[in-house]
């Protein structure tokens, strides 16, 4: 199955992390709409179950957005639903079969 790719040589990792602090918007900044939807869903489910899982996913997403923006700034072209942090990928893969992670 073919996925859309993203390329953003001017990506700013600090801005991506700051946007992710605001409920995952770093994924939108990086151009990852599907990833944004999946991560926000996981955060809300985690918050509803017990506060800690939602906060844990939120922190992982901040790190992942930063790492993804670093890769984009370095000139990489990534699949639209690529995760840079393998732990977040492992969690997201439970609900999103299209997720990818070249680092896992």
C-alpha atoms as a PDB file:
ATOM      1  CA  UNK A   1       0.000   0.000   0.000  1.00  0.00           C
ATOM      2  CA  UNK A   2       1.451   3.324  -1.055  1.00  0.00           C
ATOM      3  CA  UNK A   3       1.545   6.192   1.430  1.00  0.00           C
ATOM      4  CA  UNK A   4       1.869   9.903   0.905  1.00  0.00           C
ATOM      5  CA  UNK A   5       5.257  11.313   1.792  1.00  0.00           C
ATOM      6  CA  UNK A   6       6.232  14.550   3.457  1.00  0.00           C
ATOM      7  CA  UNK A   7       9.283  16.716   2.962  1.00  0.00           C
ATOM      8  CA  UNK A   8       9.917  19.870   4.959  1.00  0.00           C
ATOM      9  CA  UNK A   9      13.554  20.987   4.855  1.00  0.00           C
ATOM     10  CA  UNK A  10      12.720  24.119   6.870  1.00  0.00           C
ATOM     11  CA  UNK A  11      11.161  22.217   9.774  1.00  0.00           C
ATOM     12  CA  UNK A  12      11.969  23.605  13.207  1.00  0.00           C
ATOM     13  CA  UNK A  13      12.247  20.866  15.892  1.00  0.00           C
ATOM     14  CA  UNK A  14      11.726  23.330  18.785  1.00  0.00           C
ATOM     15  CA  UNK A  15       8.565  24.688  17.180  1.00  0.00           C
ATOM     16  CA  UNK A  16       7.318  21.143  16.497  1.00  0.00           C
ATOM     17  CA  UNK A  17       7.852  20.178  20.162  1.00  0.00           C
ATOM     18  CA  UNK A  18       6.169  23.370  21.372  1.00  0.00           C
ATOM     19  CA  UNK A  19       3.201  22.726  19.093  1.00  0.00           C
ATOM     20  CA  UNK A  20       2.970  19.144  20.381  1.00  0.00           C
ATOM     21  CA  UNK A  21       2.802  20.489  23.894  1.00  0.00           C
ATOM     22  CA  UNK A  22      -0.517  21.981  22.714  1.00  0.00           C
ATOM     23  CA  UNK A  23      -2.328  18.644  22.254  1.00  0.00           C
ATOM     24  CA  UNK A  24      -0.307  17.113  19.462  1.00  0.00           C
ATOM     25  CA  UNK A  25      -0.283  20.010  17.033  1.00  0.00           C
ATOM     26  CA  UNK A  26       3.381  19.258  16.280  1.00  0.00           C
ATOM     27  CA  UNK A  27       2.197  16.449  14.039  1.00  0.00           C
ATOM     28  CA  UNK A  28       0.115  18.948  12.078  1.00  0.00           C
ATOM     29  CA  UNK A  29       3.110  21.282  11.900  1.00  0.00           C
ATOM     30  CA  UNK A  30       5.164  18.394  10.479  1.00  0.00           C
ATOM     31  CA  UNK A  31       2.400  17.609   7.936  1.00  0.00           C
ATOM     32  CA  UNK A  32       1.216  14.356   9.521  1.00  0.00           C
ATOM     33  CA  UNK A  33      -2.597  14.501   9.663  1.00  0.00           C
ATOM     34  CA  UNK A  34      -3.254  10.781  10.243  1.00  0.00           C
ATOM     35  CA  UNK A  35      -0.610  10.573  12.935  1.00  0.00           C
ATOM     36  CA  UNK A  36      -2.161  13.608  14.637  1.00  0.00           C
ATOM     37  CA  UNK A  37      -5.606  11.969  14.695  1.00  0.00           C
ATOM     38  CA  UNK A  38      -4.279   8.663  16.061  1.00  0.00           C
ATOM     39  CA  UNK A  39      -2.120  10.239  18.777  1.00  0.00           C
ATOM     40  CA  UNK A  40      -4.864  12.602  19.966  1.00  0.00           C
ATOM     41  CA  UNK A  41      -7.289   9.658  20.120  1.00  0.00           C
ATOM     42  CA  UNK A  42      -4.772   7.652  22.155  1.00  0.00           C
ATOM     43  CA  UNK A  43      -4.143  10.608  24.478  1.00  0.00           C
ATOM     44  CA  UNK A  44      -7.865  11.081  25.142  1.00  0.00           C
ATOM     45  CA  UNK A  45      -8.453   7.370  25.725  1.00  0.00           C
ATOM     46  CA  UNK A  46      -5.443   7.305  28.056  1.00  0.00           C
ATOM     47  CA  UNK A  47      -6.736  10.339  29.940  1.00  0.00           C
ATOM     48  CA  UNK A  48     -10.195   8.778  30.279  1.00  0.00           C
ATOM     49  CA  UNK A  49      -8.843   5.455  31.558  1.00  0.00           C
ATOM     50  CA  UNK A  50      -6.447   6.998  34.017  1.00  0.00           C
ATOM     51  CA  UNK A  51      -4.610  10.284  33.769  1.00  0.00           C
ATOM     52  CA  UNK A  52      -1.121   8.753  33.629  1.00  0.00           C
ATOM     53  CA  UNK A  53      -1.383   6.826  30.305  1.00  0.00           C
ATOM     54  CA  UNK A  54      -2.657   9.922  28.512  1.00  0.00           C
ATOM     55  CA  UNK A  55       0.124  12.094  29.907  1.00  0.00           C
ATOM     56  CA  UNK A  56       2.688   9.401  29.006  1.00  0.00           C
ATOM     57  CA  UNK A  57       1.506   9.326  25.369  1.00  0.00           C
ATOM     58  CA  UNK A  58       1.447  13.129  25.300  1.00  0.00           C
ATOM     59  CA  UNK A  59       5.111  13.308  26.421  1.00  0.00           C
ATOM     60  CA  UNK A  60       6.111  10.608  23.926  1.00  0.00           C
ATOM     61  CA  UNK A  61       4.395  12.602  21.195  1.00  0.00           C
ATOM     62  CA  UNK A  62       6.323  15.763  22.089  1.00  0.00           C
ATOM     63  CA  UNK A  63       9.588  13.813  21.757  1.00  0.00           C
ATOM     64  CA  UNK A  64       8.457  12.137  18.534  1.00  0.00           C
ATOM     65  CA  UNK A  65       7.416  15.450  16.939  1.00  0.00           C
ATOM     66  CA  UNK A  66      10.806  16.938  17.795  1.00  0.00           C
ATOM     67  CA  UNK A  67      12.655  13.928  16.346  1.00  0.00           C
ATOM     68  CA  UNK A  68      10.509  13.909  13.199  1.00  0.00           C
ATOM     69  CA  UNK A  69      11.110  17.627  12.627  1.00  0.00           C
ATOM     70  CA  UNK A  70      14.862  17.014  13.018  1.00  0.00           C
ATOM     71  CA  UNK A  71      14.696  14.333  10.322  1.00  0.00           C
ATOM     72  CA  UNK A  72      12.666  16.593   8.037  1.00  0.00           C
ATOM     73  CA  UNK A  73      15.040  19.520   8.607  1.00  0.00           C
ATOM     74  CA  UNK A  74      17.936  17.244   7.650  1.00  0.00           C
ATOM     75  CA  UNK A  75      16.266  16.726   4.266  1.00  0.00           C
ATOM     76  CA  UNK A  76      14.657  13.324   4.749  1.00  0.00           C
ATOM     77  CA  UNK A  77      11.434  12.515   2.940  1.00  0.00           C
ATOM     78  CA  UNK A  78       9.217  10.464   5.242  1.00  0.00           C
ATOM     79  CA  UNK A  79       5.985   8.521   4.878  1.00  0.00           C
ATOM     80  CA  UNK A  80       3.085  10.669   6.092  1.00  0.00           C
ATOM     81  CA  UNK A  81       2.427   8.274   8.974  1.00  0.00           C
ATOM     82  CA  UNK A  82       6.073   7.694  10.021  1.00  0.00           C
ATOM     83  CA  UNK A  83       6.952   7.626  13.727  1.00  0.00           C
ATOM     84  CA  UNK A  84      10.468   8.582  14.823  1.00  0.00           C
ATOM     85  CA  UNK A  85      10.108   7.239  18.367  1.00  0.00           C
ATOM     86  CA  UNK A  86       9.734   3.465  18.322  1.00  0.00           C
ATOM     87  CA  UNK A  87       7.925   3.319  21.690  1.00  0.00           C
ATOM     88  CA  UNK A  88       5.156   5.632  20.467  1.00  0.00           C
ATOM     89  CA  UNK A  89       5.037   3.634  17.224  1.00  0.00           C
ATOM     90  CA  UNK A  90       4.528   0.416  19.196  1.00  0.00           C
ATOM     91  CA  UNK A  91       1.562   1.960  20.997  1.00  0.00           C
ATOM     92  CA  UNK A  92       0.036   3.570  17.892  1.00  0.00           C
ATOM     93  CA  UNK A  93       0.408   0.384  15.843  1.00  0.00           C
ATOM     94  CA  UNK A  94      -2.280  -1.195  18.049  1.00  0.00           C
ATOM     95  CA  UNK A  95      -4.945   1.043  16.472  1.00  0.00           C
ATOM     96  CA  UNK A  96      -3.275   2.163  13.222  1.00  0.00           C
ATOM     97  CA  UNK A  97      -2.093  -0.547  10.849  1.00  0.00           C
ATOM     98  CA  UNK A  98      -0.731   2.067   8.414  1.00  0.00           C
ATOM     99  CA  UNK A  99       1.830   3.411  10.920  1.00  0.00           C
ATOM    100  CA  UNK A 100       5.499   3.009  10.006  1.00  0.00           C
ATOM    101  CA  UNK A 101       8.760   3.348  11.883  1.00  0.00           C
ATOM    102  CA  UNK A 102      12.059   2.839  10.121  1.00  0.00           C
ATOM    103  CA  UNK A 103      13.819   2.958  13.498  1.00  0.00           C
ATOM    104  CA  UNK A 104      12.069   0.000  15.135  1.00  0.00           C
END
